[in-house]
Amino acid sequence: PAVNYPFPTHVHILRGKVVETTGRAVVDAEVRRSNTERVASGAQGAFALPLRWTPGGVAVAIDAIDHRTGQVGTITITLPQALGSSQTITVS
């Protein structure tokens, strides 16, 4: 879904941006949590990843993959703390 998709209010949404090490936004990067949730980054590298099956209080990895270049990046988040601010995933 697009970054502005109207997810139901009970669904946790991780918002952020995918960038290269130079700071350039990565368009159409796959952003995913394991094999349970995945979205593509938009025109400015922005993403809104629903985390319907992610438990609170547990550290989980969020991956970004630019399939055009093979660059990858990972961040580790914990819910609900990670929901309060935009998350940046840097691929290299």
C-alpha atoms as a PDB file:
ATOM      1  CA  PRO A   1       0.000   0.000   0.000  1.00  0.00           C
ATOM      2  CA  ALA A   2       0.984   3.616  -0.511  1.00  0.00           C
ATOM      3  CA  VAL A   3       2.433   5.678   2.333  1.00  0.00           C
ATOM      4  CA  ASN A   4      -0.900   7.489   2.745  1.00  0.00           C
ATOM      5  CA  TYR A   5      -3.012   4.304   2.773  1.00  0.00           C
ATOM      6  CA  PRO A   6      -5.718   4.578   5.469  1.00  0.00           C
ATOM      7  CA  PHE A   7      -4.792   1.592   7.645  1.00  0.00           C
ATOM      8  CA  PRO A   8      -7.238   0.727  10.435  1.00  0.00           C
ATOM      9  CA  THR A   9      -6.390   2.460  13.711  1.00  0.00           C
ATOM     10  CA  HIS A  10      -5.660  -0.826  15.522  1.00  0.00           C
ATOM     11  CA  VAL A  11      -2.806  -1.724  13.110  1.00  0.00           C
ATOM     12  CA  HIS A  12       0.704  -0.622  14.139  1.00  0.00           C
ATOM     13  CA  ILE A  13       2.391   1.228  11.266  1.00  0.00           C
ATOM     14  CA  LEU A  14       6.145   1.713  11.082  1.00  0.00           C
ATOM     15  CA  ARG A  15       6.918   4.805   9.008  1.00  0.00           C
ATOM     16  CA  GLY A  16      10.248   5.857   7.645  1.00  0.00           C
ATOM     17  CA  LYS A  17      12.533   6.279   4.688  1.00  0.00           C
ATOM     18  CA  VAL A  18      15.044   4.167   2.759  1.00  0.00           C
ATOM     19  CA  VAL A  19      18.264   5.958   1.759  1.00  0.00           C
ATOM     20  CA  GLU A  20      21.675   5.165   0.339  1.00  0.00           C
ATOM     21  CA  THR A  21      24.829   5.973   2.305  1.00  0.00           C
ATOM     22  CA  THR A  22      24.974   9.263   0.361  1.00  0.00           C
ATOM     23  CA  GLY A  23      21.541  10.213   1.730  1.00  0.00           C
ATOM     24  CA  ARG A  24      19.799   9.787  -1.634  1.00  0.00           C
ATOM     25  CA  ALA A  25      16.285   8.346  -1.328  1.00  0.00           C
ATOM     26  CA  VAL A  26      15.804   4.812  -2.642  1.00  0.00           C
ATOM     27  CA  VAL A  27      12.617   4.460  -4.684  1.00  0.00           C
ATOM     28  CA  ASP A  28      10.863   1.067  -4.947  1.00  0.00           C
ATOM     29  CA  ALA A  29      12.975  -0.623  -2.284  1.00  0.00           C
ATOM     30  CA  GLU A  30      11.307  -3.635  -0.685  1.00  0.00           C
ATOM     31  CA  VAL A  31      10.827  -3.019   3.045  1.00  0.00           C
ATOM     32  CA  ARG A  32       9.868  -6.094   5.050  1.00  0.00           C
ATOM     33  CA  ARG A  33       9.605  -7.765   8.393  1.00  0.00           C
ATOM     34  CA  SER A  34      10.566 -11.377   7.820  1.00  0.00           C
ATOM     35  CA  ASN A  35       8.066 -13.011   5.494  1.00  0.00           C
ATOM     36  CA  THR A  36       5.005 -11.594   7.234  1.00  0.00           C
ATOM     37  CA  GLU A  37       4.800  -7.978   6.021  1.00  0.00           C
ATOM     38  CA  ARG A  38       6.258  -6.146   3.024  1.00  0.00           C
ATOM     39  CA  VAL A  39       5.820  -2.863   1.161  1.00  0.00           C
ATOM     40  CA  ALA A  40       7.722  -0.813  -1.425  1.00  0.00           C
ATOM     41  CA  SER A  41       9.207   2.599  -0.733  1.00  0.00           C
ATOM     42  CA  GLY A  42       7.640   5.507  -2.593  1.00  0.00           C
ATOM     43  CA  ALA A  43       8.912   8.407  -4.675  1.00  0.00           C
ATOM     44  CA  GLN A  44      10.935  10.001  -1.840  1.00  0.00           C
ATOM     45  CA  GLY A  45      11.997   6.661  -0.342  1.00  0.00           C
ATOM     46  CA  ALA A  46       9.162   6.825   2.208  1.00  0.00           C
ATOM     47  CA  PHE A  47       7.418   3.704   3.471  1.00  0.00           C
ATOM     48  CA  ALA A  48       4.552   2.747   5.783  1.00  0.00           C
ATOM     49  CA  LEU A  49       4.956  -0.860   6.923  1.00  0.00           C
ATOM     50  CA  PRO A  50       1.981  -2.447   8.721  1.00  0.00           C
ATOM     51  CA  LEU A  51       3.079  -4.657  11.608  1.00  0.00           C
ATOM     52  CA  ARG A  52      -0.048  -6.683  12.244  1.00  0.00           C
ATOM     53  CA  TRP A  53       1.687  -9.754  13.683  1.00  0.00           C
ATOM     54  CA  THR A  54       4.616  -8.138  15.485  1.00  0.00           C
ATOM     55  CA  PRO A  55       4.511  -8.493  19.288  1.00  0.00           C
ATOM     56  CA  GLY A  56       5.308  -5.580  21.557  1.00  0.00           C
ATOM     57  CA  GLY A  57       8.433  -5.528  23.697  1.00  0.00           C
ATOM     58  CA  VAL A  58      10.422  -7.815  21.381  1.00  0.00           C
ATOM     59  CA  ALA A  59      13.285  -6.649  19.155  1.00  0.00           C
ATOM     60  CA  VAL A  60      12.619  -7.425  15.483  1.00  0.00           C
ATOM     61  CA  ALA A  61      14.589  -6.801  12.299  1.00  0.00           C
ATOM     62  CA  ILE A  62      13.211  -4.665   9.487  1.00  0.00           C
ATOM     63  CA  ASP A  63      14.999  -5.130   6.165  1.00  0.00           C
ATOM     64  CA  ALA A  64      15.205  -2.949   3.056  1.00  0.00           C
ATOM     65  CA  ILE A  65      16.354  -4.326  -0.286  1.00  0.00           C
ATOM     66  CA  ASP A  66      17.012  -2.359  -3.457  1.00  0.00           C
ATOM     67  CA  HIS A  67      16.553  -5.124  -6.016  1.00  0.00           C
ATOM     68  CA  ARG A  68      17.984  -2.969  -8.811  1.00  0.00           C
ATOM     69  CA  THR A  69      21.391  -2.565  -7.134  1.00  0.00           C
ATOM     70  CA  GLY A  70      21.450  -5.451  -4.661  1.00  0.00           C
ATOM     71  CA  GLN A  71      21.985  -3.053  -1.766  1.00  0.00           C
ATOM     72  CA  VAL A  72      20.490  -4.072   1.574  1.00  0.00           C
ATOM     73  CA  GLY A  73      20.033  -2.522   4.994  1.00  0.00           C
ATOM     74  CA  THR A  74      18.549  -3.591   8.323  1.00  0.00           C
ATOM     75  CA  ILE A  75      17.346  -1.847  11.449  1.00  0.00           C
ATOM     76  CA  THR A  76      16.201  -3.411  14.683  1.00  0.00           C
ATOM     77  CA  ILE A  77      13.075  -1.995  16.298  1.00  0.00           C
ATOM     78  CA  THR A  78      10.950  -2.656  19.355  1.00  0.00           C
ATOM     79  CA  LEU A  79       7.236  -1.879  19.476  1.00  0.00           C
ATOM     80  CA  PRO A  80       5.666   0.371  20.495  1.00  0.00           C
ATOM     81  CA  GLN A  81       8.707   2.640  20.990  1.00  0.00           C
ATOM     82  CA  ALA A  82       9.687   2.638  17.293  1.00  0.00           C
ATOM     83  CA  LEU A  83       6.285   3.939  16.224  1.00  0.00           C
ATOM     84  CA  GLY A  84       6.789   7.394  17.708  1.00  0.00           C
ATOM     85  CA  SER A  85       9.323   8.635  15.153  1.00  0.00           C
ATOM     86  CA  SER A  86      10.345   8.155  11.545  1.00  0.00           C
ATOM     87  CA  GLN A  87      12.832   5.313  11.029  1.00  0.00           C
ATOM     88  CA  THR A  88      15.634   5.500   8.460  1.00  0.00           C
ATOM     89  CA  ILE A  89      17.022   2.387   6.804  1.00  0.00           C
ATOM     90  CA  THR A  90      20.344   2.900   5.049  1.00  0.00           C
ATOM     91  CA  VAL A  91      21.198   0.444   2.291  1.00  0.00           C
ATOM     92  CA  SER A  92      24.726  -0.257   1.106  1.00  0.00           C
END
